[in-house]
Amino acid sequence: MGKVTATAERTIDAPVDRVRELVADYAETRPKLLTEHYRDYEVTEGGVGAGTKASWKLQATSKRVRDVAATVSEPAPGTLVETDANSSMVTTWTVSSSGTASVVRIETSWDGAGGVGGFFEKTFAPGGLKKIYDGVLGKLEEIV
C-alpha cells in the first residue's frame, strides 16, 4: 500500500484575493463548481474557509463512489486543506499569485490499496481524478 496522488492546476486571469474568496466559499460558490461526478453535496457546519464541514459523494467511475465527510483547515493564507473523516484522503487547494493572475492547484492524496488492485489504482486513479478537477477548475474560471 502506497500513497496515491492526483493533481490539477490552472492559471486564472483574476486577482488572487478574489479567487481565494471564491475557493473558500463552500456554501455558495463550491456547489456551482462541482461537476456531474459529485452528488449530495451539503455543508453541515460553517460555510466559509477553516472550520467548514461538508459532505458529498464522489463518483470517480461508474462503479466507484466515495462518501466524503470533509473538515476544512487553513494552515496558511491561500491554502485550504480538506481532510476526509471516512478515509485517508486529503485534498489541498492552493491559490497563489502569478503577476495579476492566480494559480489554483488541487492536490489529493490517499493511502492506496495493496496488490494488483493497488497497482491499477496508482496507475489510473490520478489521471481520472485530474480530469474531474480540470472540470472543477474550468467552472471556477467561468465564475470568476
Protein backbone atom coordinates (compact mmCIF):
# COMPACT_ATOMS: atom_id res chain seq x y z
CA MET A 1 0.00 0.00 0.00
CA GLY A 2 1.48 3.32 -1.09
CA LYS A 3 0.39 6.91 -1.37
CA VAL A 4 -1.66 7.82 -4.42
CA THR A 5 -1.65 11.45 -5.52
CA ALA A 6 -3.67 13.32 -8.13
CA THR A 7 -3.00 16.94 -9.09
CA ALA A 8 -4.56 19.56 -11.35
CA GLU A 9 -3.55 23.18 -11.80
CA ARG A 10 -4.84 26.18 -13.75
CA THR A 11 -3.86 29.82 -14.14
CA ILE A 12 -6.91 32.06 -13.89
CA ASP A 13 -6.83 35.65 -15.06
CA ALA A 14 -8.18 37.20 -11.86
CA PRO A 15 -6.75 38.76 -8.68
CA VAL A 16 -5.61 36.28 -6.06
CA ASP A 17 -7.84 37.76 -3.33
CA ARG A 18 -10.97 37.25 -5.45
CA VAL A 19 -10.07 33.66 -6.38
CA ARG A 20 -9.22 32.79 -2.76
CA GLU A 21 -12.57 34.21 -1.66
CA LEU A 22 -14.45 32.04 -4.17
CA VAL A 23 -12.49 28.86 -3.40
CA ALA A 24 -13.10 29.29 0.35
CA ASP A 25 -16.87 29.73 -0.12
CA TYR A 26 -18.20 26.21 0.45
CA ALA A 27 -21.81 27.36 0.88
CA GLU A 28 -22.47 29.42 -2.26
CA THR A 29 -19.60 29.04 -4.74
CA ARG A 30 -18.48 25.44 -4.26
CA PRO A 31 -21.78 23.84 -5.35
CA LYS A 32 -21.51 25.81 -8.61
CA LEU A 33 -18.04 24.38 -9.27
CA LEU A 34 -18.93 20.74 -8.88
CA THR A 35 -19.21 18.56 -11.97
CA GLU A 36 -21.57 15.63 -12.53
CA HIS A 37 -19.11 13.46 -10.56
CA TYR A 38 -20.34 15.00 -7.30
CA ARG A 39 -23.67 14.15 -5.66
CA ASP A 40 -25.47 15.02 -2.44
CA TYR A 41 -23.19 17.96 -1.62
CA GLU A 42 -24.06 19.52 1.74
CA VAL A 43 -22.41 21.98 4.11
CA THR A 44 -23.03 20.72 7.64
CA GLU A 45 -21.09 23.35 9.59
CA GLY A 46 -19.66 26.78 8.82
CA GLY A 47 -19.56 27.53 5.12
CA VAL A 48 -16.53 29.74 4.54
CA GLY A 49 -12.94 28.60 4.98
CA ALA A 50 -11.49 26.94 8.06
CA GLY A 51 -13.94 25.15 10.31
CA THR A 52 -16.31 24.28 7.47
CA LYS A 53 -17.62 20.74 7.37
CA ALA A 54 -19.16 19.39 4.18
CA SER A 55 -20.13 16.03 2.80
CA TRP A 56 -20.64 14.65 -0.69
CA LYS A 57 -20.42 11.54 -2.82
CA LEU A 58 -17.64 11.48 -5.39
CA GLN A 59 -18.44 9.19 -8.32
CA ALA A 60 -14.99 8.70 -9.81
CA THR A 61 -16.10 5.92 -12.18
CA SER A 62 -19.36 4.13 -12.88
CA LYS A 63 -18.53 1.61 -10.13
CA ARG A 64 -16.51 3.69 -7.65
CA VAL A 65 -18.31 6.05 -5.28
CA ARG A 66 -16.58 7.58 -2.29
CA ASP A 67 -18.52 9.10 0.62
CA VAL A 68 -16.57 12.16 1.73
CA ALA A 69 -17.01 13.92 5.08
CA ALA A 70 -14.52 16.78 4.89
CA THR A 71 -13.34 19.16 7.58
CA VAL A 72 -11.58 22.26 6.26
CA SER A 73 -8.48 23.84 7.77
CA GLU A 74 -6.41 26.78 6.54
CA PRO A 75 -2.77 26.28 7.55
CA ALA A 76 -1.66 29.33 5.54
CA PRO A 77 -3.35 32.14 3.60
CA GLY A 78 -4.47 30.77 0.23
CA THR A 79 -4.25 27.13 1.34
CA LEU A 80 -7.33 25.12 2.25
CA VAL A 81 -6.99 21.52 3.39
CA GLU A 82 -9.99 19.19 3.25
CA THR A 83 -9.47 16.15 5.48
CA ASP A 84 -11.89 13.26 4.96
CA ALA A 85 -13.17 11.64 8.16
CA ASN A 86 -14.14 8.48 6.23
CA SER A 87 -10.74 7.70 4.71
CA SER A 88 -7.10 8.74 4.45
CA MET A 89 -7.96 11.20 1.65
CA VAL A 90 -6.67 14.76 1.99
CA THR A 91 -7.30 17.43 -0.64
CA THR A 92 -5.31 20.66 -0.65
CA TRP A 93 -6.43 23.74 -2.58
CA THR A 94 -3.67 26.32 -3.06
CA VAL A 95 -4.31 29.72 -4.62
CA SER A 96 -1.16 31.73 -5.28
CA SER A 97 -0.39 34.92 -7.14
CA SER A 98 1.24 34.99 -10.56
CA GLY A 99 1.50 38.64 -11.50
CA THR A 100 -2.08 39.85 -11.96
CA ALA A 101 -3.36 36.27 -12.34
CA SER A 102 -3.91 33.44 -9.86
CA VAL A 103 -2.63 29.88 -9.95
CA VAL A 104 -5.07 27.37 -8.47
CA ARG A 105 -3.75 23.92 -7.61
CA ILE A 106 -5.79 20.99 -6.31
CA GLU A 107 -3.86 18.03 -4.93
CA THR A 108 -5.43 14.93 -3.41
CA SER A 109 -3.57 12.07 -1.80
CA TRP A 110 -4.68 8.90 -0.04
CA ASP A 111 -3.36 5.52 1.04
CA GLY A 112 -3.81 3.20 -1.92
CA ALA A 113 -4.77 -0.45 -1.89
CA GLY A 114 -2.18 -3.20 -1.93
CA GLY A 115 -1.52 -5.88 -4.53
CA VAL A 116 -2.74 -5.85 -8.10
CA GLY A 117 -5.70 -3.60 -7.25
CA GLY A 118 -3.29 -1.09 -5.75
CA PHE A 119 -1.16 -1.16 -8.88
CA PHE A 120 -4.16 -0.31 -11.05
CA GLU A 121 -5.36 2.32 -8.57
CA LYS A 122 -1.98 4.05 -8.55
CA THR A 123 -1.77 3.81 -12.34
CA PHE A 124 -5.25 5.03 -13.33
CA ALA A 125 -6.88 6.92 -10.43
CA PRO A 126 -4.64 10.03 -10.61
CA GLY A 127 -5.49 10.62 -14.28
CA GLY A 128 -9.22 10.14 -13.69
CA LEU A 129 -9.25 12.48 -10.72
CA LYS A 130 -7.20 15.06 -12.64
CA LYS A 131 -9.90 15.10 -15.37
CA ILE A 132 -12.57 15.69 -12.72
CA TYR A 133 -10.53 18.51 -11.18
CA ASP A 134 -9.91 20.06 -14.62
CA GLY A 135 -13.70 20.32 -14.93
CA VAL A 136 -13.97 21.95 -11.49
CA LEU A 137 -11.22 24.43 -12.33
CA GLY A 138 -12.92 25.22 -15.64
CA LYS A 139 -16.12 26.11 -13.80
CA LEU A 140 -14.13 28.25 -11.35
CA GLU A 141 -12.61 30.12 -14.27
CA GLU A 142 -16.09 30.74 -15.74
CA ILE A 143 -17.44 32.07 -12.43
CA VAL A 144 -14.52 34.43 -11.87
